[in-house]
N, C-alpha and C. Protein backbone atom coordinates (compact mmCIF):
# COMPACT_ATOMS: atom_id res chain seq x y z
N UNK A 1 59.23 -207.05 119.05
CA UNK A 1 58.04 -206.94 117.61
C UNK A 1 59.04 -206.76 116.63
N UNK A 2 58.82 -208.59 115.88
CA UNK A 2 59.96 -208.57 114.35
C UNK A 2 58.97 -207.83 113.25
N UNK A 3 60.19 -207.19 112.91
CA UNK A 3 60.30 -206.98 111.14
C UNK A 3 59.83 -207.38 109.99
N UNK A 4 59.76 -207.27 108.67
CA UNK A 4 60.70 -208.21 107.45
C UNK A 4 62.19 -207.27 107.12
N UNK A 5 62.81 -206.54 108.44
CA UNK A 5 63.91 -205.86 107.91
C UNK A 5 65.02 -206.66 108.49
N UNK A 6 64.70 -207.91 108.91
CA UNK A 6 65.43 -208.88 109.41
C UNK A 6 66.69 -208.45 111.05
N UNK A 7 65.86 -207.48 111.37
CA UNK A 7 67.47 -206.89 112.52
C UNK A 7 65.75 -206.76 114.05
N UNK A 8 64.99 -207.71 113.51
CA UNK A 8 64.17 -207.97 114.82
C UNK A 8 63.94 -207.12 115.34
N UNK A 9 63.60 -205.58 115.27
CA UNK A 9 63.16 -204.22 116.02
C UNK A 9 62.63 -203.45 115.31
N UNK A 10 61.90 -202.78 115.72
CA UNK A 10 60.75 -201.72 115.33
C UNK A 10 61.61 -200.53 114.87
N UNK A 11 61.70 -199.40 114.36
CA UNK A 11 61.76 -198.19 114.14
C UNK A 11 61.69 -197.78 115.71
N UNK A 12 61.03 -197.46 116.60
CA UNK A 12 61.57 -196.84 116.82
C UNK A 12 63.41 -197.49 118.32
N UNK A 13 62.99 -198.64 118.15
CA UNK A 13 64.25 -199.20 118.90
C UNK A 13 64.89 -199.57 118.55
N UNK A 14 65.35 -199.14 116.64
CA UNK A 14 66.57 -199.39 115.95
C UNK A 14 67.50 -197.60 116.51
N UNK A 15 65.95 -196.64 116.13
CA UNK A 15 66.55 -195.46 116.86
C UNK A 15 67.15 -195.30 118.92
N UNK A 16 66.62 -195.43 119.10
CA UNK A 16 67.29 -195.79 120.59
C UNK A 16 67.93 -196.48 120.72
N UNK A 17 68.34 -197.32 119.67
CA UNK A 17 69.58 -198.33 119.74
C UNK A 17 70.76 -197.66 119.06
N UNK A 18 70.97 -196.47 118.05
CA UNK A 18 71.35 -196.20 117.71
C UNK A 18 72.34 -195.24 118.70
N UNK A 19 73.54 -194.65 117.76
CA UNK A 19 74.46 -193.65 118.86
C UNK A 19 74.22 -192.78 119.22
N UNK A 20 74.73 -191.96 120.23
CA UNK A 20 74.21 -190.75 120.61
C UNK A 20 73.87 -189.77 119.64
N UNK A 21 75.17 -190.18 119.08
CA UNK A 21 76.09 -188.96 117.79
C UNK A 21 74.78 -189.78 116.36
N UNK A 22 74.77 -190.38 116.33
CA UNK A 22 73.22 -190.27 115.06
C UNK A 22 72.96 -190.30 115.00
N UNK A 23 72.03 -190.03 116.56
CA UNK A 23 70.59 -189.58 116.92
C UNK A 23 70.46 -187.96 116.61
N UNK A 24 72.03 -187.57 116.98
CA UNK A 24 71.96 -185.69 116.91
C UNK A 24 72.10 -184.98 115.77
N UNK A 25 72.56 -185.93 114.36
CA UNK A 25 73.21 -185.71 113.14
C UNK A 25 71.86 -186.23 112.74
N UNK A 26 70.76 -187.08 113.09
CA UNK A 26 69.78 -186.80 112.45
C UNK A 26 68.75 -185.77 113.25
N UNK A 27 68.79 -185.12 113.92
CA UNK A 27 67.79 -184.22 114.63
C UNK A 27 68.14 -183.07 113.99
N UNK A 28 69.66 -182.72 114.38
CA UNK A 28 70.22 -180.97 113.29
C UNK A 28 69.19 -181.24 111.36
N UNK A 29 70.17 -182.86 111.27
CA UNK A 29 69.08 -182.33 109.33
C UNK A 29 67.93 -182.37 109.19
N UNK A 30 67.52 -182.52 110.39
CA UNK A 30 66.43 -183.03 110.18
C UNK A 30 64.99 -181.26 110.54
N UNK A 31 66.36 -180.64 111.42
CA UNK A 31 66.21 -179.84 111.78
C UNK A 31 66.80 -178.46 110.91
N UNK A 32 67.45 -178.73 109.07
CA UNK A 32 68.09 -178.26 108.27
C UNK A 32 67.21 -178.10 107.14
N UNK A 33 66.30 -179.25 107.11
CA UNK A 33 65.24 -179.30 106.15
C UNK A 33 64.32 -178.63 106.41
N UNK A 34 63.96 -178.27 107.78
CA UNK A 34 62.62 -177.71 108.35
C UNK A 34 63.16 -176.13 107.88
N UNK A 35 64.00 -175.90 108.89
CA UNK A 35 64.30 -174.18 108.25
C UNK A 35 64.37 -174.40 106.84
N UNK A 36 65.19 -174.67 106.06
CA UNK A 36 64.70 -174.22 104.89
C UNK A 36 63.91 -173.73 103.88
N UNK A 37 62.86 -175.47 104.74
CA UNK A 37 61.86 -175.27 103.74
C UNK A 37 60.45 -174.31 104.48
N UNK A 38 61.38 -173.48 105.71
CA UNK A 38 60.42 -172.69 106.55
C UNK A 38 60.75 -171.12 105.76
N UNK A 39 62.10 -171.09 105.25
CA UNK A 39 63.31 -170.09 104.75
C UNK A 39 62.08 -169.45 102.99
N UNK A 40 61.88 -171.20 102.55
CA UNK A 40 60.81 -170.76 100.94
C UNK A 40 59.62 -170.66 101.51
N UNK A 41 58.71 -171.08 102.23
CA UNK A 41 57.40 -170.95 102.43
C UNK A 41 57.64 -169.31 102.36
N UNK A 42 58.66 -168.88 103.68
CA UNK A 42 58.33 -167.30 103.48
C UNK A 42 58.38 -166.21 102.95
N UNK A 43 59.75 -167.08 101.99
CA UNK A 43 60.35 -165.80 99.98
C UNK A 43 58.24 -165.99 99.68
N UNK A 44 58.48 -167.02 100.02
CA UNK A 44 57.04 -167.35 98.91
C UNK A 44 55.39 -166.45 99.26
N UNK A 45 55.45 -166.06 100.95
CA UNK A 45 54.19 -165.82 101.08
C UNK A 45 54.08 -164.41 101.22
N UNK A 46 55.34 -163.65 100.07
CA UNK A 46 55.67 -162.72 100.05
C UNK A 46 54.99 -162.04 99.37
N UNK A 47 53.82 -160.51 99.14
CA UNK A 47 53.65 -159.99 98.40
C UNK A 47 54.46 -160.11 96.86
N UNK A 48 54.07 -159.54 95.78
CA UNK A 48 53.71 -159.55 94.85
C UNK A 48 55.25 -158.11 94.76
N UNK A 49 54.64 -157.12 95.22
CA UNK A 49 55.38 -156.02 95.81
C UNK A 49 56.89 -156.08 95.66
N UNK A 50 56.59 -156.62 97.83
CA UNK A 50 57.28 -156.70 99.04
C UNK A 50 58.78 -158.27 97.39
N UNK A 51 58.37 -159.08 96.77
CA UNK A 51 59.42 -159.70 96.02
C UNK A 51 59.90 -158.74 95.40
N UNK A 52 59.60 -158.31 94.74
CA UNK A 52 60.14 -157.48 93.84
C UNK A 52 60.56 -156.44 94.37
N UNK A 53 60.64 -155.77 94.88
CA UNK A 53 61.21 -154.64 96.05
C UNK A 53 62.21 -155.02 96.26
N UNK A 54 62.18 -156.74 97.01
CA UNK A 54 63.81 -157.40 97.04
C UNK A 54 65.15 -157.78 96.00
N UNK A 55 64.21 -158.32 95.54
CA UNK A 55 65.66 -158.97 94.38
C UNK A 55 65.32 -158.10 93.05
N UNK A 56 64.70 -156.17 93.36
CA UNK A 56 65.34 -155.51 91.97
C UNK A 56 65.96 -154.42 93.33
N UNK A 57 66.01 -154.30 95.09
CA UNK A 57 67.48 -154.39 95.47
C UNK A 57 68.02 -154.44 95.19
N UNK A 58 68.72 -155.89 95.20
CA UNK A 58 69.47 -157.10 95.72
C UNK A 58 70.01 -156.28 93.48
N UNK A 59 69.74 -156.46 92.89
CA UNK A 59 69.58 -156.87 91.69
C UNK A 59 70.46 -155.04 91.40
N UNK A 60 69.53 -153.73 91.84
CA UNK A 60 70.76 -152.44 91.77
C UNK A 60 71.70 -152.34 92.45
N UNK A 61 72.10 -152.72 93.71
CA UNK A 61 73.49 -153.12 94.25
C UNK A 61 74.14 -153.55 93.37
N UNK A 62 74.22 -154.93 92.88
CA UNK A 62 74.75 -155.57 92.23
C UNK A 62 75.34 -154.97 91.13
N UNK A 63 74.55 -154.16 90.25
CA UNK A 63 74.97 -152.98 89.01
C UNK A 63 75.90 -152.17 89.51
N UNK A 64 74.83 -151.29 90.97
CA UNK A 64 76.09 -150.31 91.17
C UNK A 64 77.22 -150.66 92.21
N UNK A 65 77.53 -152.35 92.45
CA UNK A 65 78.88 -152.41 92.62
C UNK A 65 79.95 -153.03 91.29
N UNK A 66 78.58 -153.06 90.73
CA UNK A 66 80.04 -153.97 88.80
C UNK A 66 80.43 -152.54 88.35
N UNK A 67 79.49 -150.93 88.95
CA UNK A 67 80.01 -150.03 87.92
C UNK A 67 80.88 -149.70 88.84
N UNK A 68 80.84 -149.36 89.73
CA UNK A 68 81.92 -148.99 90.97
C UNK A 68 83.66 -149.99 90.64
N UNK A 69 83.62 -151.31 90.84
CA UNK A 69 84.79 -151.95 90.50
C UNK A 69 85.39 -152.03 89.60
N UNK A 70 84.63 -152.66 87.48
CA UNK A 70 84.89 -152.18 86.47
C UNK A 70 85.43 -150.25 85.88
N UNK A 71 85.13 -149.79 87.21
CA UNK A 71 84.48 -148.00 86.31
C UNK A 71 84.06 -148.09 85.48
N UNK A 72 82.19 -148.19 85.48
CA UNK A 72 81.69 -148.18 83.61
C UNK A 72 81.27 -146.84 83.54
N UNK A 73 81.30 -146.11 85.46
CA UNK A 73 80.40 -144.66 85.04
C UNK A 73 79.33 -144.43 84.26
N UNK A 74 78.47 -145.53 84.70
CA UNK A 74 77.15 -145.92 84.50
C UNK A 74 76.48 -144.89 85.18
N UNK A 75 75.47 -143.69 83.94
CA UNK A 75 74.56 -143.00 85.13
C UNK A 75 72.96 -143.98 85.91
N UNK A 76 72.71 -142.89 86.25
CA UNK A 76 70.59 -143.61 86.78
C UNK A 76 70.24 -144.59 86.07
N UNK A 77 69.47 -143.86 85.18
CA UNK A 77 68.91 -144.75 83.98
C UNK A 77 69.90 -146.10 84.15
N UNK A 78 70.48 -146.11 83.55
CA UNK A 78 71.72 -147.50 83.23
C UNK A 78 71.34 -148.32 83.81
N UNK A 79 71.62 -147.77 85.77
CA UNK A 79 72.24 -148.69 85.99
C UNK A 79 70.64 -149.39 86.96
N UNK A 80 69.67 -148.69 86.46
CA UNK A 80 68.35 -149.14 86.66
C UNK A 80 68.00 -150.09 85.52
N UNK A 81 67.85 -149.95 84.19
CA UNK A 81 68.38 -151.05 83.66
C UNK A 81 68.65 -151.93 83.20
N UNK A 82 70.34 -151.85 83.42
CA UNK A 82 70.85 -153.26 83.31
C UNK A 82 69.93 -153.81 85.10
N UNK A 83 69.75 -153.23 85.77
CA UNK A 83 68.92 -153.39 87.31
C UNK A 83 67.66 -154.99 86.55
N UNK A 84 67.33 -154.29 85.60
CA UNK A 84 66.00 -154.55 85.60
C UNK A 84 65.85 -155.83 84.62
N UNK A 85 67.10 -155.65 83.63
CA UNK A 85 67.65 -157.07 82.72
C UNK A 85 68.08 -158.36 83.52
N UNK A 86 68.47 -158.11 84.75
CA UNK A 86 69.06 -159.05 85.26
C UNK A 86 68.56 -159.70 86.83
N UNK A 87 66.60 -159.36 86.89
CA UNK A 87 66.07 -159.12 87.52
C UNK A 87 65.84 -160.79 88.12
N UNK A 88 64.28 -161.22 86.22
CA UNK A 88 64.49 -162.18 86.51
C UNK A 88 65.20 -163.61 86.15
N UNK A 89 66.53 -163.53 86.32
CA UNK A 89 67.19 -164.84 86.10
C UNK A 89 67.45 -164.97 86.99
N UNK A 90 67.70 -163.74 88.07
CA UNK A 90 68.32 -163.79 89.32
C UNK A 90 67.61 -164.31 90.11
N UNK A 91 66.27 -164.46 89.65
CA UNK A 91 64.78 -164.60 90.47
C UNK A 91 64.63 -166.14 90.31
N UNK A 92 65.24 -166.73 89.05
CA UNK A 92 65.43 -168.02 88.20
C UNK A 92 66.28 -168.82 88.79
N UNK A 93 67.60 -168.08 89.38
CA UNK A 93 68.60 -168.76 90.02
C UNK A 93 68.73 -168.96 91.44
N UNK A 94 67.90 -167.50 91.94
CA UNK A 94 67.28 -167.68 93.71
C UNK A 94 66.29 -169.49 93.53
N UNK A 95 65.60 -169.50 92.29
CA UNK A 95 64.75 -170.73 93.18
C UNK A 95 65.60 -172.04 93.37
N UNK A 96 66.23 -171.89 91.99
CA UNK A 96 68.15 -172.64 92.15
C UNK A 96 68.24 -173.08 93.04
N UNK A 97 68.65 -171.96 93.42
CA UNK A 97 69.83 -172.07 94.88
C UNK A 97 69.06 -172.83 96.13
N UNK A 98 67.56 -172.06 96.71
CA UNK A 98 66.46 -172.62 97.57
C UNK A 98 66.42 -173.89 97.71
N UNK A 99 66.32 -174.22 96.14
CA UNK A 99 66.21 -175.31 96.27
C UNK A 99 67.39 -176.62 96.10
N UNK A 100 68.38 -176.04 95.58
CA UNK A 100 69.56 -177.16 96.02
C UNK A 100 69.73 -177.25 97.04
N UNK A 101 70.44 -175.94 97.95
CA UNK A 101 69.92 -176.09 99.62
C UNK A 101 69.05 -177.39 100.22
N UNK A 102 67.92 -176.79 99.99
CA UNK A 102 66.72 -178.16 100.25
C UNK A 102 66.70 -179.00 99.83
N UNK A 103 67.55 -179.77 98.63
CA UNK A 103 67.68 -180.81 98.52
C UNK A 103 69.47 -181.58 98.86
N UNK A 104 70.41 -180.94 99.81
CA UNK A 104 71.46 -180.84 100.15
C UNK A 104 70.62 -181.14 101.51
N UNK A 105 69.76 -180.84 102.33
CA UNK A 105 69.48 -181.25 103.81
C UNK A 105 68.54 -182.04 103.77
N UNK A 106 67.95 -182.46 102.73
CA UNK A 106 66.66 -183.55 102.67
C UNK A 106 67.10 -184.64 102.23
N UNK A 107 68.40 -184.77 101.23
CA UNK A 107 69.25 -186.01 101.16
C UNK A 107 70.06 -186.29 102.18
N UNK A 108 70.51 -185.73 102.98
CA UNK A 108 71.29 -185.89 103.80
C UNK A 108 70.59 -186.37 105.32
N UNK A 109 69.76 -185.84 105.67
CA UNK A 109 68.30 -185.97 106.38
C UNK A 109 68.39 -188.00 106.08
N UNK A 110 67.49 -187.58 104.68
CA UNK A 110 67.54 -189.27 104.55
C UNK A 110 68.28 -190.60 104.90
N UNK A 111 69.30 -190.15 104.26
CA UNK A 111 71.14 -191.35 104.30
C UNK A 111 71.07 -191.25 105.92
N UNK A 112 71.11 -190.41 106.42
CA UNK A 112 71.35 -190.61 108.41
C UNK A 112 70.04 -191.16 108.72
N UNK A 113 69.16 -190.69 108.30
CA UNK A 113 67.89 -191.91 108.90
C UNK A 113 68.09 -193.10 108.25
N UNK A 114 68.30 -193.52 106.95
CA UNK A 114 68.25 -194.72 106.53
C UNK A 114 69.85 -195.79 107.21
N UNK A 115 70.23 -194.80 107.58
CA UNK A 115 71.44 -195.64 107.94
C UNK A 115 70.97 -195.72 109.41
N UNK A 116 70.49 -195.37 109.92
CA UNK A 116 70.27 -195.09 111.96
C UNK A 116 68.95 -196.73 111.60
N UNK A 117 67.96 -196.91 110.25
CA UNK A 117 66.71 -197.65 110.48
C UNK A 117 67.18 -198.65 109.73
N UNK A 118 68.05 -198.95 109.27
CA UNK A 118 68.94 -200.64 108.52
C UNK A 118 69.70 -201.43 109.11
N UNK A 119 69.62 -200.89 110.22
CA UNK A 119 71.12 -201.42 111.15
C UNK A 119 71.35 -203.14 111.40
N UNK A 120 69.81 -203.34 110.71
CA UNK A 120 70.06 -204.57 110.68
C UNK A 120 71.06 -205.45 109.10
N UNK A 121 71.20 -204.55 108.04
CA UNK A 121 71.47 -205.28 107.21
C UNK A 121 72.33 -204.71 107.54
N UNK A 122 73.65 -205.45 106.39
CA UNK A 122 74.92 -205.87 105.57
C UNK A 122 74.87 -204.39 105.64
N UNK A 123 76.42 -203.12 105.91
CA UNK A 123 76.63 -201.96 104.87
C UNK A 123 76.88 -201.86 104.27
N UNK A 124 77.11 -201.17 103.08
CA UNK A 124 77.48 -200.48 101.83
C UNK A 124 77.07 -199.62 101.09
N UNK A 125 78.09 -198.97 100.70
CA UNK A 125 77.15 -197.81 99.48
C UNK A 125 76.78 -198.64 98.00
N UNK A 126 76.32 -199.70 98.18
CA UNK A 126 75.53 -199.87 96.89
C UNK A 126 74.94 -198.82 95.42
N UNK A 127 75.14 -199.19 94.51
CA UNK A 127 74.17 -197.71 93.70
C UNK A 127 72.85 -197.72 93.63
N UNK A 128 72.72 -198.67 93.89
CA UNK A 128 71.01 -199.02 94.46
C UNK A 128 70.67 -198.27 95.15
N UNK A 129 70.85 -198.23 96.55
CA UNK A 129 70.83 -197.24 97.90
C UNK A 129 70.64 -195.55 97.16
N UNK A 130 71.51 -195.27 96.84
CA UNK A 130 72.46 -193.80 96.39
C UNK A 130 71.05 -193.79 95.45
N UNK A 131 71.46 -194.21 94.42
CA UNK A 131 69.90 -193.73 93.39
C UNK A 131 68.42 -193.75 94.00
N UNK A 132 68.09 -194.55 95.13
CA UNK A 132 66.87 -194.66 95.82
C UNK A 132 67.00 -193.65 96.63
N UNK A 133 68.24 -193.26 97.45
CA UNK A 133 67.94 -192.00 97.78
C UNK A 133 68.23 -190.57 97.72
N UNK A 134 68.41 -190.20 96.73
CA UNK A 134 68.44 -189.89 95.75
C UNK A 134 67.29 -188.90 95.06
N UNK A 135 66.63 -189.93 94.09
CA UNK A 135 65.40 -190.30 93.41
C UNK A 135 64.20 -189.64 95.01
N UNK A 136 64.72 -189.93 95.85
CA UNK A 136 63.21 -189.49 97.35
C UNK A 136 63.30 -188.42 97.39
N UNK A 137 64.65 -187.56 98.10
CA UNK A 137 64.97 -186.47 98.11
C UNK A 137 64.51 -185.81 97.41
N UNK A 138 64.80 -186.06 95.57
CA UNK A 138 64.59 -185.40 94.65
C UNK A 138 62.88 -185.29 94.74
N UNK A 139 61.96 -186.32 94.90
CA UNK A 139 60.50 -186.70 94.60
C UNK A 139 60.19 -185.39 96.29
N UNK A 140 60.59 -185.75 96.97
CA UNK A 140 60.81 -184.71 98.25
C UNK A 140 60.25 -183.46 97.62
N UNK A 141 61.10 -182.88 97.36
CA UNK A 141 61.63 -181.62 96.82
C UNK A 141 60.26 -180.82 96.13
N UNK A 142 60.65 -182.45 94.96
CA UNK A 142 59.51 -182.12 93.94
C UNK A 142 57.82 -181.59 94.33
N UNK A 143 57.61 -181.85 94.96
CA UNK A 143 56.15 -182.26 95.65
C UNK A 143 56.50 -181.18 96.58
N UNK A 144 57.26 -180.65 97.46
CA UNK A 144 57.16 -179.50 98.12
C UNK A 144 57.12 -178.23 96.98
N UNK A 145 57.55 -178.01 95.64
CA UNK A 145 57.92 -177.71 94.92
C UNK A 145 56.16 -177.20 94.42
N UNK A 146 55.62 -178.46 94.05
CA UNK A 146 54.39 -178.21 93.66
C UNK A 146 53.11 -177.43 94.91
N UNK A 147 53.88 -177.41 96.02
CA UNK A 147 53.09 -177.01 97.41
C UNK A 147 53.25 -175.41 97.44
N UNK A 148 54.03 -175.33 96.91
CA UNK A 148 55.00 -173.91 97.26
C UNK A 148 53.85 -173.37 96.00
N UNK A 149 53.63 -173.94 94.71
CA UNK A 149 53.96 -172.94 93.87
C UNK A 149 52.19 -172.88 94.27
N UNK A 150 51.89 -173.20 94.54
CA UNK A 150 50.19 -173.76 93.87
C UNK A 150 50.10 -172.63 95.91
N UNK A 151 50.72 -172.35 96.32
CA UNK A 151 50.46 -171.23 97.82
C UNK A 151 50.56 -169.89 97.47
N UNK A 152 51.41 -169.73 96.40
CA UNK A 152 51.23 -168.67 96.28
C UNK A 152 50.08 -167.88 94.88
N UNK A 153 49.43 -169.39 94.03
CA UNK A 153 48.28 -168.53 94.36
C UNK A 153 47.06 -168.06 94.30
N UNK A 154 47.52 -168.12 95.76
CA UNK A 154 46.89 -167.63 97.57
C UNK A 154 47.51 -165.99 97.58
N UNK A 155 49.08 -165.81 96.72
CA UNK A 155 49.52 -164.94 97.74
C UNK A 155 49.16 -163.48 96.49
N UNK A 156 48.92 -162.01 97.10
CA UNK A 156 48.74 -161.28 96.23
C UNK A 156 50.03 -160.81 94.77
N UNK A 157 49.20 -160.67 93.88
CA UNK A 157 50.64 -160.79 92.70
C UNK A 157 51.07 -161.77 92.27
N UNK A 158 51.22 -163.05 93.02
CA UNK A 158 51.94 -163.89 92.98
C UNK A 158 50.88 -164.65 91.74
N UNK A 159 52.13 -165.79 90.87
CA UNK A 159 51.33 -166.32 90.73
C UNK A 159 52.33 -168.21 90.52
N UNK A 160 51.22 -169.13 89.82
CA UNK A 160 51.64 -170.15 89.91
C UNK A 160 52.08 -171.10 88.39
N UNK A 161 53.92 -171.61 88.42
CA UNK A 161 54.43 -171.40 87.30
C UNK A 161 55.08 -172.55 87.11
N UNK A 162 54.47 -173.84 86.40
CA UNK A 162 55.73 -174.66 86.48
C UNK A 162 56.92 -174.54 85.54
N UNK A 163 56.65 -174.02 85.50
CA UNK A 163 58.67 -173.65 84.66
C UNK A 163 59.02 -173.69 86.09
N UNK A 164 58.76 -172.32 87.15
CA UNK A 164 59.21 -172.73 88.42
C UNK A 164 59.70 -174.18 89.24
N UNK A 165 58.85 -175.07 89.42
CA UNK A 165 58.73 -176.36 89.83
C UNK A 165 59.53 -176.99 89.01
N UNK A 166 60.23 -177.08 87.63
CA UNK A 166 61.36 -177.74 86.70
C UNK A 166 62.12 -176.54 87.89
N UNK A 167 62.29 -175.66 87.75
CA UNK A 167 63.64 -175.05 87.80
C UNK A 167 64.22 -175.25 89.66
N UNK A 168 62.58 -175.61 90.21
CA UNK A 168 63.52 -176.35 91.59
C UNK A 168 63.47 -177.47 92.14
N UNK A 169 63.36 -178.58 91.23
CA UNK A 169 62.73 -180.05 90.83
C UNK A 169 64.88 -180.01 90.29
N UNK A 170 64.84 -179.60 89.92
CA UNK A 170 66.41 -179.93 88.67
C UNK A 170 67.74 -178.97 90.09
N UNK A 171 67.29 -177.82 91.02
CA UNK A 171 68.39 -177.65 91.72
C UNK A 171 68.20 -178.53 93.29
N UNK A 172 67.00 -179.25 93.48
CA UNK A 172 66.93 -180.88 94.41
C UNK A 172 67.85 -181.35 93.82
N UNK A 173 67.66 -182.22 92.57
CA UNK A 173 67.88 -182.98 92.19
C UNK A 173 69.86 -182.59 92.37
N UNK A 174 70.35 -181.44 91.78
CA UNK A 174 71.47 -181.27 91.75
C UNK A 174 72.30 -181.37 93.51
N UNK A 175 70.80 -180.74 94.40
CA UNK A 175 71.65 -180.92 95.62
C UNK A 175 72.08 -181.57 96.21
N UNK A 176 70.98 -182.73 96.22
CA UNK A 176 70.90 -184.37 96.01
C UNK A 176 72.22 -184.99 95.95
N UNK A 177 72.41 -184.87 94.75
CA UNK A 177 74.16 -185.27 93.91
C UNK A 177 75.19 -184.53 94.28
N UNK A 178 74.95 -183.72 94.61
CA UNK A 178 76.57 -183.05 95.17
C UNK A 178 76.85 -183.23 96.86
N UNK A 179 75.39 -183.74 97.38
CA UNK A 179 75.65 -183.62 99.00
C UNK A 179 76.24 -185.19 99.32
N UNK A 180 75.48 -186.34 98.10
CA UNK A 180 75.83 -187.34 98.11
C UNK A 180 77.54 -187.76 97.56
N UNK A 181 77.59 -186.73 96.90
CA UNK A 181 79.35 -186.56 95.95
C UNK A 181 80.38 -186.35 97.68
N UNK A 182 79.97 -185.53 98.36
CA UNK A 182 80.33 -184.84 99.37
C UNK A 182 80.69 -186.47 100.22
N UNK A 183 79.67 -186.60 100.54
CA UNK A 183 79.29 -187.95 101.90
C UNK A 183 80.95 -188.71 101.21
N UNK A 184 80.23 -188.48 99.82
CA UNK A 184 81.29 -190.42 98.92
C UNK A 184 82.49 -189.86 99.35
N UNK A 185 83.34 -188.74 99.04
CA UNK A 185 85.05 -188.12 98.57
C UNK A 185 84.71 -187.99 100.67
N UNK A 186 83.95 -188.20 101.69
CA UNK A 186 84.19 -187.61 102.72
C UNK A 186 84.84 -189.29 102.95
N UNK A 187 84.27 -190.11 102.64
CA UNK A 187 84.29 -191.40 103.25
C UNK A 187 85.51 -192.00 103.10
N UNK A 188 85.51 -192.07 101.05
CA UNK A 188 86.99 -192.62 100.58
C UNK A 188 88.38 -191.22 101.42
N UNK A 189 88.02 -190.36 102.01
CA UNK A 189 89.22 -189.70 102.17
C UNK A 189 89.97 -190.19 103.55
N UNK A 190 88.68 -190.75 104.21
CA UNK A 190 88.84 -191.75 105.70
C UNK A 190 89.66 -192.50 105.94
N UNK A 191 89.34 -193.32 104.86
CA UNK A 191 89.95 -194.99 105.31
C UNK A 191 90.54 -195.38 104.92
């Protein structure tokens, strides 16, 4: 079956012709994407009390740890007060970090898939290819962030926030760029 790719092969034959290592990388990267998506979904499916309890508990532990390390001698009320102060920034950082990891895994998966399915073209790391991969990785993550926020409408006590989508998208873009830069450094090092 002829395709426009110039390789004279369809996607299935391109995948079967790829080396075993490439197919394993493709599968592992797909599993990483699905795992991150499931983890994000699980966090979003928690009702407001459970989610707040989790982030509030982490904040309390962080403040207690800082109190011990720096010998601040804070009382329980001060620890609770500072934990409440850092809870919102911690939650926003968590959004960013979740989607940074999703961006890394999606960019990696798309890069591997693009390498496998472009087997008839000349190899190269042209800037158009890099920009395309980063763009589609970020777009996929942004659409998932939108669906995630929509999902939260149906979770008791949770809400849909455009600001969270922006934070998620920024995290995904950062992750995609980081993944690409790491790959570029590795390839440069191995030359």
